[in-house]
């Protein structure tokens, strides 16, 4: 996959597909037999959601209000870019999902292969461009959109035929922590106790890494990328990649946030601005050795101490899927990311 397919989600326009809302709603209601009350339950799609029936009804607050879910969802569609991970971790297999920057989420990543098994979800969109007809045809009784930029119009349209839990309120789109999004998903599925255990286990993994490497607390780290010659990116404190390394104990560099445009979780840099990347640890997320060689050949990059002292890491996005794992930064991908990145970080003196 080329690096050009992986920018932060907020760099892309988000809007409802150009189709009349009323027409879509009518089609959806027809496809769903008049709404979730008449939907046929299919327990095989849930991984055992019936066992949580005592937890319902539950009411989940979100960006566009609140949604009351009356019974354990049987057919779940995830519209957040990484929402399927937490849903899978809680034993539910979504019947529909969006892809990850042209990457099919089914069975691709090592941390989800066993969870998906042979069950393949329907791909119902990319980023925040949802195919309402496909979603309706799946007859979902719950749509989850946490790591997303869902718009009010999209929420209203989907809510005409199913329950929808939109992104968390009070934080920017794509700006909620993995803990907040996981709790939203867990509550929606009636699995609060299981959710808290998942979160506690991941917190313990981070705590163990910090205890093992107390020296990281004094180090400043930035995650960067480059899509083409002369153009570079550094990720702000709200990006999952930066959050991952902060939880490992590293310090962020506030100047990166000031360089980002409002609403973006990435600062775009020219070669002349590369001096902002002269930190204690610089992690490049790249997809090829050609990209690595191009960055290292940049004359202004050669002047940085972080490069001269070999404190820069060039981490593959995939093969192994290290960069992908901390880009997702979910309850499923984090353990894999920690296991893979720790030896790379400790090798830097």
C-alpha atoms as a PDB file:
ATOM      1  CA  UNK A   1       0.000   0.000   0.000  1.00  0.00           C
ATOM      2  CA  UNK A   2       1.407   3.401  -0.885  1.00  0.00           C
ATOM      3  CA  UNK A   3       1.890   6.004   1.800  1.00  0.00           C
ATOM      4  CA  UNK A   4      -0.506   8.276  -0.049  1.00  0.00           C
ATOM      5  CA  UNK A   5      -3.412   6.127   1.119  1.00  0.00           C
ATOM      6  CA  UNK A   6      -2.700   6.598   4.808  1.00  0.00           C
ATOM      7  CA  UNK A   7      -2.959  10.275   5.764  1.00  0.00           C
ATOM      8  CA  UNK A   8      -4.854  11.228   8.879  1.00  0.00           C
ATOM      9  CA  UNK A   9      -8.603  10.917   8.295  1.00  0.00           C
ATOM     10  CA  UNK A  10      -9.244  14.615   8.924  1.00  0.00           C
ATOM     11  CA  UNK A  11      -7.301  15.479   5.787  1.00  0.00           C
ATOM     12  CA  UNK A  12     -10.117  14.186   3.623  1.00  0.00           C
ATOM     13  CA  UNK A  13     -13.444  15.859   2.823  1.00  0.00           C
ATOM     14  CA  UNK A  14     -16.380  14.247   4.545  1.00  0.00           C
ATOM     15  CA  UNK A  15     -19.919  14.589   3.239  1.00  0.00           C
ATOM     16  CA  UNK A  16     -23.012  12.545   2.597  1.00  0.00           C
ATOM     17  CA  UNK A  17     -23.030  10.869  -0.821  1.00  0.00           C
ATOM     18  CA  UNK A  18     -24.976  12.876  -3.375  1.00  0.00           C
ATOM     19  CA  UNK A  19     -28.301  11.145  -3.101  1.00  0.00           C
ATOM     20  CA  UNK A  20     -31.610  12.493  -1.889  1.00  0.00           C
ATOM     21  CA  UNK A  21     -31.976  11.791   1.820  1.00  0.00           C
ATOM     22  CA  UNK A  22     -35.685  11.139   1.575  1.00  0.00           C
ATOM     23  CA  UNK A  23     -35.215   8.635  -1.221  1.00  0.00           C
ATOM     24  CA  UNK A  24     -32.480   6.818   0.653  1.00  0.00           C
ATOM     25  CA  UNK A  25     -34.546   6.696   3.822  1.00  0.00           C
ATOM     26  CA  UNK A  26     -37.495   5.266   1.922  1.00  0.00           C
ATOM     27  CA  UNK A  27     -35.332   2.612   0.318  1.00  0.00           C
ATOM     28  CA  UNK A  28     -33.740   1.803   3.670  1.00  0.00           C
ATOM     29  CA  UNK A  29     -37.039   1.439   5.456  1.00  0.00           C
ATOM     30  CA  UNK A  30     -38.281  -0.812   2.694  1.00  0.00           C
ATOM     31  CA  UNK A  31     -35.131  -2.926   2.767  1.00  0.00           C
ATOM     32  CA  UNK A  32     -35.332  -3.258   6.528  1.00  0.00           C
ATOM     33  CA  UNK A  33     -38.987  -4.148   6.632  1.00  0.00           C
ATOM     34  CA  UNK A  34     -39.958  -0.953   8.431  1.00  0.00           C
ATOM     35  CA  UNK A  35     -37.169  -0.688  10.998  1.00  0.00           C
ATOM     36  CA  UNK A  36     -35.239  -2.639  13.599  1.00  0.00           C
ATOM     37  CA  UNK A  37     -38.331  -3.828  15.448  1.00  0.00           C
ATOM     38  CA  UNK A  38     -39.112  -6.201  12.551  1.00  0.00           C
ATOM     39  CA  UNK A  39     -35.554  -7.322  11.866  1.00  0.00           C
ATOM     40  CA  UNK A  40     -34.939 -11.032  12.030  1.00  0.00           C
ATOM     41  CA  UNK A  41     -32.302 -11.829  14.627  1.00  0.00           C
ATOM     42  CA  UNK A  42     -29.264 -13.741  13.428  1.00  0.00           C
ATOM     43  CA  UNK A  43     -27.282 -14.821  16.494  1.00  0.00           C
ATOM     44  CA  UNK A  44     -24.505 -16.350  14.388  1.00  0.00           C
ATOM     45  CA  UNK A  45     -23.426 -12.841  13.384  1.00  0.00           C
ATOM     46  CA  UNK A  46     -22.907 -11.700  16.969  1.00  0.00           C
ATOM     47  CA  UNK A  47     -20.559 -14.165  18.550  1.00  0.00           C
ATOM     48  CA  UNK A  48     -23.043 -14.797  21.356  1.00  0.00           C
ATOM     49  CA  UNK A  49     -24.662 -11.418  21.998  1.00  0.00           C
ATOM     50  CA  UNK A  50     -27.706 -13.146  23.514  1.00  0.00           C
ATOM     51  CA  UNK A  51     -25.752 -13.690  26.739  1.00  0.00           C
ATOM     52  CA  UNK A  52     -25.780  -9.928  27.381  1.00  0.00           C
ATOM     53  CA  UNK A  53     -29.563  -9.483  27.210  1.00  0.00           C
ATOM     54  CA  UNK A  54     -29.805  -8.629  30.915  1.00  0.00           C
ATOM     55  CA  UNK A  55     -27.757  -5.470  30.317  1.00  0.00           C
ATOM     56  CA  UNK A  56     -30.466  -3.862  28.205  1.00  0.00           C
ATOM     57  CA  UNK A  57     -31.917  -1.365  27.671  1.00  0.00           C
ATOM     58  CA  UNK A  58     -28.891   0.948  27.590  1.00  0.00           C
ATOM     59  CA  UNK A  59     -28.674   4.601  26.588  1.00  0.00           C
ATOM     60  CA  UNK A  60     -25.484   5.854  24.977  1.00  0.00           C
ATOM     61  CA  UNK A  61     -24.752   9.576  24.630  1.00  0.00           C
ATOM     62  CA  UNK A  62     -22.871  10.786  21.575  1.00  0.00           C
ATOM     63  CA  UNK A  63     -22.206  13.806  19.357  1.00  0.00           C
ATOM     64  CA  UNK A  64     -25.782  13.980  18.028  1.00  0.00           C
ATOM     65  CA  UNK A  65     -27.697  13.255  21.208  1.00  0.00           C
ATOM     66  CA  UNK A  66     -28.341   9.859  22.747  1.00  0.00           C
ATOM     67  CA  UNK A  67     -29.464   6.454  21.531  1.00  0.00           C
ATOM     68  CA  UNK A  68     -31.379   3.879  23.557  1.00  0.00           C
ATOM     69  CA  UNK A  69     -30.728   0.288  22.578  1.00  0.00           C
ATOM     70  CA  UNK A  70     -33.500  -1.992  23.833  1.00  0.00           C
ATOM     71  CA  UNK A  71     -31.949  -5.414  23.328  1.00  0.00           C
ATOM     72  CA  UNK A  72     -28.660  -7.100  22.494  1.00  0.00           C
ATOM     73  CA  UNK A  73     -27.753  -6.189  18.902  1.00  0.00           C
ATOM     74  CA  UNK A  74     -27.637  -9.133  16.536  1.00  0.00           C
ATOM     75  CA  UNK A  75     -26.465  -7.416  13.334  1.00  0.00           C
ATOM     76  CA  UNK A  76     -23.875  -4.704  13.842  1.00  0.00           C
ATOM     77  CA  UNK A  77     -22.381  -2.424  11.195  1.00  0.00           C
ATOM     78  CA  UNK A  78     -19.257  -0.410  12.057  1.00  0.00           C
ATOM     79  CA  UNK A  79     -18.619   2.861  10.231  1.00  0.00           C
ATOM     80  CA  UNK A  80     -15.581   4.086  12.164  1.00  0.00           C
ATOM     81  CA  UNK A  81     -12.275   3.337  10.476  1.00  0.00           C
ATOM     82  CA  UNK A  82     -11.092   1.087  13.309  1.00  0.00           C
ATOM     83  CA  UNK A  83     -14.336   0.429  15.211  1.00  0.00           C
ATOM     84  CA  UNK A  84     -14.447  -3.196  14.113  1.00  0.00           C
ATOM     85  CA  UNK A  85     -11.466  -4.014  16.345  1.00  0.00           C
ATOM     86  CA  UNK A  86     -13.218  -3.260  19.633  1.00  0.00           C
ATOM     87  CA  UNK A  87     -16.390  -4.950  18.402  1.00  0.00           C
ATOM     88  CA  UNK A  88     -14.411  -8.073  17.486  1.00  0.00           C
ATOM     89  CA  UNK A  89     -12.560  -7.972  20.809  1.00  0.00           C
ATOM     90  CA  UNK A  90     -15.933  -8.148  22.543  1.00  0.00           C
ATOM     91  CA  UNK A  91     -16.920 -11.272  20.621  1.00  0.00           C
ATOM     92  CA  UNK A  92     -19.152  -9.712  17.967  1.00  0.00           C
ATOM     93  CA  UNK A  93     -18.480  -9.984  14.229  1.00  0.00           C
ATOM     94  CA  UNK A  94     -19.777  -6.953  12.337  1.00  0.00           C
ATOM     95  CA  UNK A  95     -21.851  -7.787   9.284  1.00  0.00           C
ATOM     96  CA  UNK A  96     -20.669  -4.576   7.632  1.00  0.00           C
ATOM     97  CA  UNK A  97     -17.632  -2.293   7.908  1.00  0.00           C
ATOM     98  CA  UNK A  98     -15.804   0.472   6.049  1.00  0.00           C
ATOM     99  CA  UNK A  99     -12.392  -0.116   4.569  1.00  0.00           C
ATOM    100  CA  UNK A 100      -9.163   1.427   5.841  1.00  0.00           C
ATOM    101  CA  UNK A 101      -7.855   3.737   3.110  1.00  0.00           C
ATOM    102  CA  UNK A 102      -8.568   1.181   0.357  1.00  0.00           C
ATOM    103  CA  UNK A 103      -7.531  -1.701   2.628  1.00  0.00           C
ATOM    104  CA  UNK A 104     -10.210  -4.359   3.172  1.00  0.00           C
ATOM    105  CA  UNK A 105     -10.508  -4.865   6.969  1.00  0.00           C
ATOM    106  CA  UNK A 106     -11.488  -8.509   6.666  1.00  0.00           C
ATOM    107  CA  UNK A 107      -8.705 -10.835   7.782  1.00  0.00           C
ATOM    108  CA  UNK A 108      -5.898  -8.512   6.710  1.00  0.00           C
ATOM    109  CA  UNK A 109      -4.266  -7.563   9.973  1.00  0.00           C
ATOM    110  CA  UNK A 110      -2.552 -10.149  12.207  1.00  0.00           C
ATOM    111  CA  UNK A 111      -4.384  -8.974  15.304  1.00  0.00           C
ATOM    112  CA  UNK A 112      -7.826  -9.589  13.756  1.00  0.00           C
ATOM    113  CA  UNK A 113      -7.390 -12.653  11.534  1.00  0.00           C
ATOM    114  CA  UNK A 114      -8.445 -15.137  14.194  1.00  0.00           C
ATOM    115  CA  UNK A 115     -11.322 -12.913  15.305  1.00  0.00           C
ATOM    116  CA  UNK A 116     -12.812 -12.702  11.817  1.00  0.00           C
ATOM    117  CA  UNK A 117     -12.209 -16.339  10.993  1.00  0.00           C
ATOM    118  CA  UNK A 118     -14.001 -17.205   7.757  1.00  0.00           C
ATOM    119  CA  UNK A 119     -16.725 -14.587   8.247  1.00  0.00           C
ATOM    120  CA  UNK A 120     -16.400 -11.715   5.803  1.00  0.00           C
ATOM    121  CA  UNK A 121     -18.212  -8.399   6.396  1.00  0.00           C
ATOM    122  CA  UNK A 122     -19.819  -6.397   3.625  1.00  0.00           C
ATOM    123  CA  UNK A 123     -17.773  -3.296   2.806  1.00  0.00           C
ATOM    124  CA  UNK A 124     -20.212  -0.389   3.060  1.00  0.00           C
ATOM    125  CA  UNK A 125     -17.968   2.602   2.436  1.00  0.00           C
ATOM    126  CA  UNK A 126     -14.589   4.229   2.747  1.00  0.00           C
ATOM    127  CA  UNK A 127     -13.770   6.716   5.489  1.00  0.00           C
ATOM    128  CA  UNK A 128     -16.894   8.872   5.890  1.00  0.00           C
ATOM    129  CA  UNK A 129     -18.455   8.079   2.525  1.00  0.00           C
ATOM    130  CA  UNK A 130     -21.139   5.531   3.412  1.00  0.00           C
ATOM    131  CA  UNK A 131     -23.228   3.509   0.988  1.00  0.00           C
ATOM    132  CA  UNK A 132     -26.617   3.876   2.658  1.00  0.00           C
ATOM    133  CA  UNK A 133     -28.264   1.327   0.369  1.00  0.00           C
ATOM    134  CA  UNK A 134     -25.716  -1.355   1.272  1.00  0.00           C
ATOM    135  CA  UNK A 135     -26.106  -0.612   4.965  1.00  0.00           C
ATOM    136  CA  UNK A 136     -29.874  -0.839   4.733  1.00  0.00           C
ATOM    137  CA  UNK A 137     -29.698  -4.122   2.824  1.00  0.00           C
ATOM    138  CA  UNK A 138     -27.767  -5.672   5.731  1.00  0.00           C
ATOM    139  CA  UNK A 139     -30.732  -4.993   8.039  1.00  0.00           C
ATOM    140  CA  UNK A 140     -28.585  -3.841  10.958  1.00  0.00           C
ATOM    141  CA  UNK A 141     -30.067  -3.326  14.383  1.00  0.00           C
ATOM    142  CA  UNK A 142     -27.073  -1.209  15.422  1.00  0.00           C
ATOM    143  CA  UNK A 143     -24.661   1.077  13.561  1.00  0.00           C
ATOM    144  CA  UNK A 144     -21.518   2.174  15.414  1.00  0.00           C
ATOM    145  CA  UNK A 145     -19.429   5.162  14.225  1.00  0.00           C
ATOM    146  CA  UNK A 146     -16.747   6.076  16.761  1.00  0.00           C
ATOM    147  CA  UNK A 147     -13.483   6.725  14.895  1.00  0.00           C
ATOM    148  CA  UNK A 148     -15.367   8.623  12.227  1.00  0.00           C
ATOM    149  CA  UNK A 149     -16.439  11.995  10.933  1.00  0.00           C
ATOM    150  CA  UNK A 150     -20.119  11.123  10.537  1.00  0.00           C
ATOM    151  CA  UNK A 151     -22.226  14.174   9.731  1.00  0.00           C
ATOM    152  CA  UNK A 152     -25.604  15.091  11.220  1.00  0.00           C
ATOM    153  CA  UNK A 153     -27.347  14.417   7.912  1.00  0.00           C
ATOM    154  CA  UNK A 154     -25.843  10.947   7.702  1.00  0.00           C
ATOM    155  CA  UNK A 155     -26.814  10.234  11.302  1.00  0.00           C
ATOM    156  CA  UNK A 156     -30.388  11.389  10.684  1.00  0.00           C
ATOM    157  CA  UNK A 157     -30.708   9.246   7.556  1.00  0.00           C
ATOM    158  CA  UNK A 158     -29.385   6.102   9.222  1.00  0.00           C
ATOM    159  CA  UNK A 159     -31.512   6.702  12.309  1.00  0.00           C
ATOM    160  CA  UNK A 160     -34.645   6.403  10.203  1.00  0.00           C
ATOM    161  CA  UNK A 161     -34.150   2.641  10.007  1.00  0.00           C
ATOM    162  CA  UNK A 162     -31.735   1.569  12.748  1.00  0.00           C
ATOM    163  CA  UNK A 163     -30.090   2.507  16.021  1.00  0.00           C
ATOM    164  CA  UNK A 164     -26.987   4.653  15.569  1.00  0.00           C
ATOM    165  CA  UNK A 165     -24.246   5.453  18.081  1.00  0.00           C
ATOM    166  CA  UNK A 166     -22.259   8.321  16.566  1.00  0.00           C
ATOM    167  CA  UNK A 167     -18.807   9.516  17.579  1.00  0.00           C
ATOM    168  CA  UNK A 168     -18.201  10.625  21.201  1.00  0.00           C
ATOM    169  CA  UNK A 169     -19.387  14.086  22.146  1.00  0.00           C
ATOM    170  CA  UNK A 170     -17.180  16.852  23.468  1.00  0.00           C
ATOM    171  CA  UNK A 171     -14.104  15.925  21.411  1.00  0.00           C
ATOM    172  CA  UNK A 172     -13.118  16.596  17.796  1.00  0.00           C
ATOM    173  CA  UNK A 173     -13.878  13.950  15.198  1.00  0.00           C
ATOM    174  CA  UNK A 174     -11.072  11.397  15.290  1.00  0.00           C
ATOM    175  CA  UNK A 175      -9.933  12.984  18.547  1.00  0.00           C
ATOM    176  CA  UNK A 176     -11.358  10.644  21.213  1.00  0.00           C
ATOM    177  CA  UNK A 177      -9.043   8.280  23.041  1.00  0.00           C
ATOM    178  CA  UNK A 178      -9.173   4.559  22.365  1.00  0.00           C
ATOM    179  CA  UNK A 179     -10.482   4.101  25.913  1.00  0.00           C
ATOM    180  CA  UNK A 180     -13.459   6.412  25.350  1.00  0.00           C
ATOM    181  CA  UNK A 181     -14.353   4.819  22.017  1.00  0.00           C
ATOM    182  CA  UNK A 182     -13.996   1.298  23.412  1.00  0.00           C
ATOM    183  CA  UNK A 183     -16.307   2.147  26.327  1.00  0.00           C
ATOM    184  CA  UNK A 184     -18.886   3.605  23.933  1.00  0.00           C
ATOM    185  CA  UNK A 185     -18.790   0.415  21.899  1.00  0.00           C
ATOM    186  CA  UNK A 186     -18.872  -1.838  24.953  1.00  0.00           C
ATOM    187  CA  UNK A 187     -21.868  -0.053  26.413  1.00  0.00           C
ATOM    188  CA  UNK A 188     -23.685  -0.233  23.069  1.00  0.00           C
ATOM    189  CA  UNK A 189     -23.161  -3.996  22.987  1.00  0.00           C
ATOM    190  CA  UNK A 190     -24.173  -4.472  26.633  1.00  0.00           C
ATOM    191  CA  UNK A 191     -20.685  -5.679  27.543  1.00  0.00           C
ATOM    192  CA  UNK A 192     -19.467  -3.109  30.030  1.00  0.00           C
ATOM    193  CA  UNK A 193     -17.711  -5.535  32.363  1.00  0.00           C
ATOM    194  CA  UNK A 194     -15.827  -7.218  29.498  1.00  0.00           C
ATOM    195  CA  UNK A 195     -14.921  -3.796  28.158  1.00  0.00           C
ATOM    196  CA  UNK A 196     -13.417  -2.617  31.429  1.00  0.00           C
ATOM    197  CA  UNK A 197     -11.300  -5.764  31.609  1.00  0.00           C
ATOM    198  CA  UNK A 198     -10.039  -5.205  28.060  1.00  0.00           C
ATOM    199  CA  UNK A 199      -9.107  -1.615  28.869  1.00  0.00           C
ATOM    200  CA  UNK A 200      -7.464  -2.596  32.164  1.00  0.00           C
ATOM    201  CA  UNK A 201      -5.395  -5.255  30.409  1.00  0.00           C
ATOM    202  CA  UNK A 202      -4.156  -2.778  27.797  1.00  0.00           C
ATOM    203  CA  UNK A 203      -3.426  -0.133  30.437  1.00  0.00           C
ATOM    204  CA  UNK A 204      -1.380  -2.761  32.268  1.00  0.00           C
ATOM    205  CA  UNK A 205       0.617  -3.461  29.101  1.00  0.00           C
ATOM    206  CA  UNK A 206       1.483   0.222  28.749  1.00  0.00           C
ATOM    207  CA  UNK A 207       2.303   0.500  32.446  1.00  0.00           C
ATOM    208  CA  UNK A 208       4.632  -2.492  32.235  1.00  0.00           C
ATOM    209  CA  UNK A 209       6.445  -0.961  29.250  1.00  0.00           C
ATOM    210  CA  UNK A 210       6.871   2.368  31.070  1.00  0.00           C
ATOM    211  CA  UNK A 211       8.170   0.615  34.174  1.00  0.00           C
ATOM    212  CA  UNK A 212      10.654  -1.373  32.097  1.00  0.00           C
ATOM    213  CA  UNK A 213      11.863   1.755  30.275  1.00  0.00           C
ATOM    214  CA  UNK A 214      11.694   4.733  32.678  1.00  0.00           C
ATOM    215  CA  UNK A 215      14.213   6.539  30.464  1.00  0.00           C
ATOM    216  CA  UNK A 216      11.501   7.047  27.857  1.00  0.00           C
ATOM    217  CA  UNK A 217       9.776   9.587  30.108  1.00  0.00           C
ATOM    218  CA  UNK A 218      12.544  12.104  29.459  1.00  0.00           C
ATOM    219  CA  UNK A 219      12.543  11.639  25.690  1.00  0.00           C
ATOM    220  CA  UNK A 220      10.604  13.658  23.127  1.00  0.00           C
ATOM    221  CA  UNK A 221       9.204  11.598  20.254  1.00  0.00           C
ATOM    222  CA  UNK A 222       7.499  12.555  16.997  1.00  0.00           C
ATOM    223  CA  UNK A 223       5.866  10.282  14.417  1.00  0.00           C
ATOM    224  CA  UNK A 224       6.328  11.381  10.815  1.00  0.00           C
ATOM    225  CA  UNK A 225       5.614  10.297   7.255  1.00  0.00           C
ATOM    226  CA  UNK A 226       6.418  11.392   3.725  1.00  0.00           C
ATOM    227  CA  UNK A 227       4.186  10.793   0.725  1.00  0.00           C
ATOM    228  CA  UNK A 228       6.423  12.282  -1.934  1.00  0.00           C
ATOM    229  CA  UNK A 229       9.686  14.122  -2.399  1.00  0.00           C
ATOM    230  CA  UNK A 230       9.836  17.426  -0.573  1.00  0.00           C
ATOM    231  CA  UNK A 231       6.617  16.831   1.384  1.00  0.00           C
ATOM    232  CA  UNK A 232       6.604  15.595   4.957  1.00  0.00           C
ATOM    233  CA  UNK A 233       4.078  15.164   7.730  1.00  0.00           C
ATOM    234  CA  UNK A 234       4.224  15.054  11.530  1.00  0.00           C
ATOM    235  CA  UNK A 235       1.300  13.850  13.613  1.00  0.00           C
ATOM    236  CA  UNK A 236      -0.293  15.900  16.383  1.00  0.00           C
ATOM    237  CA  UNK A 237      -1.141  14.822  19.919  1.00  0.00           C
ATOM    238  CA  UNK A 238      -4.679  13.799  18.916  1.00  0.00           C
ATOM    239  CA  UNK A 239      -3.538  11.297  16.291  1.00  0.00           C
ATOM    240  CA  UNK A 240      -3.628   7.624  17.399  1.00  0.00           C
ATOM    241  CA  UNK A 241       0.052   7.183  16.529  1.00  0.00           C
ATOM    242  CA  UNK A 242       1.107  10.024  18.810  1.00  0.00           C
ATOM    243  CA  UNK A 243      -1.251   8.804  21.539  1.00  0.00           C
ATOM    244  CA  UNK A 244       0.308   5.342  21.386  1.00  0.00           C
ATOM    245  CA  UNK A 245       3.823   6.629  22.025  1.00  0.00           C
ATOM    246  CA  UNK A 246       2.647   9.002  24.741  1.00  0.00           C
ATOM    247  CA  UNK A 247       1.154   6.039  26.578  1.00  0.00           C
ATOM    248  CA  UNK A 248       4.496   4.269  26.252  1.00  0.00           C
ATOM    249  CA  UNK A 249       5.912   7.173  28.249  1.00  0.00           C
ATOM    250  CA  UNK A 250       7.377   9.496  25.627  1.00  0.00           C
ATOM    251  CA  UNK A 251       6.791  13.249  25.548  1.00  0.00           C
ATOM    252  CA  UNK A 252       5.120  14.944  22.600  1.00  0.00           C
ATOM    253  CA  UNK A 253       6.402  18.098  20.916  1.00  0.00           C
ATOM    254  CA  UNK A 254       3.779  20.870  21.267  1.00  0.00           C
ATOM    255  CA  UNK A 255       5.154  22.774  18.286  1.00  0.00           C
ATOM    256  CA  UNK A 256       3.764  20.073  15.977  1.00  0.00           C
ATOM    257  CA  UNK A 257       0.231  20.942  17.114  1.00  0.00           C
ATOM    258  CA  UNK A 258       0.756  24.638  16.403  1.00  0.00           C
ATOM    259  CA  UNK A 259       1.858  23.863  12.850  1.00  0.00           C
ATOM    260  CA  UNK A 260      -1.243  21.811  12.014  1.00  0.00           C
ATOM    261  CA  UNK A 261      -4.254  23.396  10.342  1.00  0.00           C
ATOM    262  CA  UNK A 262      -7.424  23.619  12.465  1.00  0.00           C
ATOM    263  CA  UNK A 263      -9.267  20.309  12.443  1.00  0.00           C
ATOM    264  CA  UNK A 264      -6.253  18.364  11.195  1.00  0.00           C
ATOM    265  CA  UNK A 265      -4.293  15.817  13.204  1.00  0.00           C
ATOM    266  CA  UNK A 266      -1.215  16.187  11.037  1.00  0.00           C
ATOM    267  CA  UNK A 267       1.173  19.063  10.350  1.00  0.00           C
ATOM    268  CA  UNK A 268       2.420  19.315   6.790  1.00  0.00           C
ATOM    269  CA  UNK A 269       6.078  20.246   6.493  1.00  0.00           C
ATOM    270  CA  UNK A 270       8.337  21.371   3.689  1.00  0.00           C
ATOM    271  CA  UNK A 271      12.006  20.380   3.672  1.00  0.00           C
ATOM    272  CA  UNK A 272      12.808  23.790   5.167  1.00  0.00           C
ATOM    273  CA  UNK A 273      10.655  22.936   8.185  1.00  0.00           C
ATOM    274  CA  UNK A 274      12.309  19.604   8.931  1.00  0.00           C
ATOM    275  CA  UNK A 275      14.202  21.091  11.869  1.00  0.00           C
ATOM    276  CA  UNK A 276      11.007  20.659  13.918  1.00  0.00           C
ATOM    277  CA  UNK A 277      11.668  16.922  13.709  1.00  0.00           C
ATOM    278  CA  UNK A 278      15.010  17.178  15.527  1.00  0.00           C
ATOM    279  CA  UNK A 279      13.808  15.380  18.639  1.00  0.00           C
ATOM    280  CA  UNK A 280      15.096  12.581  20.891  1.00  0.00           C
ATOM    281  CA  UNK A 281      13.315   9.875  18.900  1.00  0.00           C
ATOM    282  CA  UNK A 282      11.860  10.253  15.418  1.00  0.00           C
ATOM    283  CA  UNK A 283       9.638   7.450  14.120  1.00  0.00           C
ATOM    284  CA  UNK A 284       9.016   7.381  10.384  1.00  0.00           C
ATOM    285  CA  UNK A 285       6.086   5.239   9.253  1.00  0.00           C
ATOM    286  CA  UNK A 286       6.942   4.206   5.711  1.00  0.00           C
ATOM    287  CA  UNK A 287       5.854   1.637   3.160  1.00  0.00           C
ATOM    288  CA  UNK A 288       9.044   0.997   1.195  1.00  0.00           C
ATOM    289  CA  UNK A 289      12.822   1.168   1.319  1.00  0.00           C
ATOM    290  CA  UNK A 290      12.604   3.643  -1.565  1.00  0.00           C
ATOM    291  CA  UNK A 291      10.727   6.067   0.698  1.00  0.00           C
ATOM    292  CA  UNK A 292      13.307   5.559   3.439  1.00  0.00           C
ATOM    293  CA  UNK A 293      16.197   6.217   1.047  1.00  0.00           C
ATOM    294  CA  UNK A 294      14.484   9.323  -0.323  1.00  0.00           C
ATOM    295  CA  UNK A 295      14.019  10.797   3.154  1.00  0.00           C
ATOM    296  CA  UNK A 296      17.591  10.030   4.173  1.00  0.00           C
ATOM    297  CA  UNK A 297      18.894  11.637   0.972  1.00  0.00           C
ATOM    298  CA  UNK A 298      17.175  14.967   1.661  1.00  0.00           C
ATOM    299  CA  UNK A 299      20.057  17.462   2.232  1.00  0.00           C
ATOM    300  CA  UNK A 300      18.257  19.362   5.008  1.00  0.00           C
ATOM    301  CA  UNK A 301      17.337  16.109   6.728  1.00  0.00           C
ATOM    302  CA  UNK A 302      20.982  15.054   6.775  1.00  0.00           C
ATOM    303  CA  UNK A 303      21.722  18.076   8.966  1.00  0.00           C
ATOM    304  CA  UNK A 304      19.428  16.952  11.793  1.00  0.00           C
ATOM    305  CA  UNK A 305      21.133  15.549  14.879  1.00  0.00           C
ATOM    306  CA  UNK A 306      18.392  12.954  15.282  1.00  0.00           C
ATOM    307  CA  UNK A 307      19.541  11.500  11.969  1.00  0.00           C
ATOM    308  CA  UNK A 308      23.272  12.016  12.422  1.00  0.00           C
ATOM    309  CA  UNK A 309      23.140  10.279  15.820  1.00  0.00           C
ATOM    310  CA  UNK A 310      20.958   7.453  14.456  1.00  0.00           C
ATOM    311  CA  UNK A 311      18.030   8.186  16.724  1.00  0.00           C
ATOM    312  CA  UNK A 312      15.544   7.989  13.834  1.00  0.00           C
ATOM    313  CA  UNK A 313      13.587   4.792  13.238  1.00  0.00           C
ATOM    314  CA  UNK A 314      12.146   3.772   9.892  1.00  0.00           C
ATOM    315  CA  UNK A 315       9.225   1.537  10.793  1.00  0.00           C
ATOM    316  CA  UNK A 316       7.341  -0.430   8.119  1.00  0.00           C
ATOM    317  CA  UNK A 317       3.641   0.168   7.825  1.00  0.00           C
ATOM    318  CA  UNK A 318       3.191  -3.462   6.923  1.00  0.00           C
ATOM    319  CA  UNK A 319       5.326  -6.530   6.437  1.00  0.00           C
ATOM    320  CA  UNK A 320       5.487  -6.673   9.473  1.00  0.00           C
ATOM    321  CA  UNK A 321       2.419  -4.542  10.182  1.00  0.00           C
ATOM    322  CA  UNK A 322       3.974  -2.418  12.919  1.00  0.00           C
ATOM    323  CA  UNK A 323       2.973   1.014  11.627  1.00  0.00           C
ATOM    324  CA  UNK A 324      -0.532  -0.199  10.905  1.00  0.00           C
ATOM    325  CA  UNK A 325      -0.862  -1.519  14.453  1.00  0.00           C
ATOM    326  CA  UNK A 326      -0.072   1.765  16.204  1.00  0.00           C
ATOM    327  CA  UNK A 327      -2.008   3.690  13.540  1.00  0.00           C
ATOM    328  CA  UNK A 328      -5.095   1.705  14.535  1.00  0.00           C
ATOM    329  CA  UNK A 329      -4.243   1.976  18.254  1.00  0.00           C
ATOM    330  CA  UNK A 330      -7.105  -0.283  19.370  1.00  0.00           C
ATOM    331  CA  UNK A 331      -7.568  -2.868  22.101  1.00  0.00           C
ATOM    332  CA  UNK A 332      -6.635  -5.544  19.567  1.00  0.00           C
ATOM    333  CA  UNK A 333      -3.738  -3.833  17.777  1.00  0.00           C
ATOM    334  CA  UNK A 334      -1.964  -2.291  20.782  1.00  0.00           C
ATOM    335  CA  UNK A 335      -0.478  -5.534  22.200  1.00  0.00           C
ATOM    336  CA  UNK A 336       0.914  -6.396  18.762  1.00  0.00           C
ATOM    337  CA  UNK A 337       2.280  -2.867  18.359  1.00  0.00           C
ATOM    338  CA  UNK A 338       4.008  -2.898  21.762  1.00  0.00           C
ATOM    339  CA  UNK A 339       5.608  -6.286  21.131  1.00  0.00           C
ATOM    340  CA  UNK A 340       6.933  -5.178  17.742  1.00  0.00           C
ATOM    341  CA  UNK A 341       8.058  -1.618  18.517  1.00  0.00           C
ATOM    342  CA  UNK A 342       9.725  -2.176  21.910  1.00  0.00           C
ATOM    343  CA  UNK A 343      12.868  -3.905  20.572  1.00  0.00           C
ATOM    344  CA  UNK A 344      13.212  -1.260  17.861  1.00  0.00           C
ATOM    345  CA  UNK A 345      13.064   1.554  20.408  1.00  0.00           C
ATOM    346  CA  UNK A 346      15.454  -0.104  22.845  1.00  0.00           C
ATOM    347  CA  UNK A 347      18.001  -0.602  20.054  1.00  0.00           C
ATOM    348  CA  UNK A 348      18.331   3.199  19.759  1.00  0.00           C
ATOM    349  CA  UNK A 349      20.915   4.593  22.170  1.00  0.00           C
END
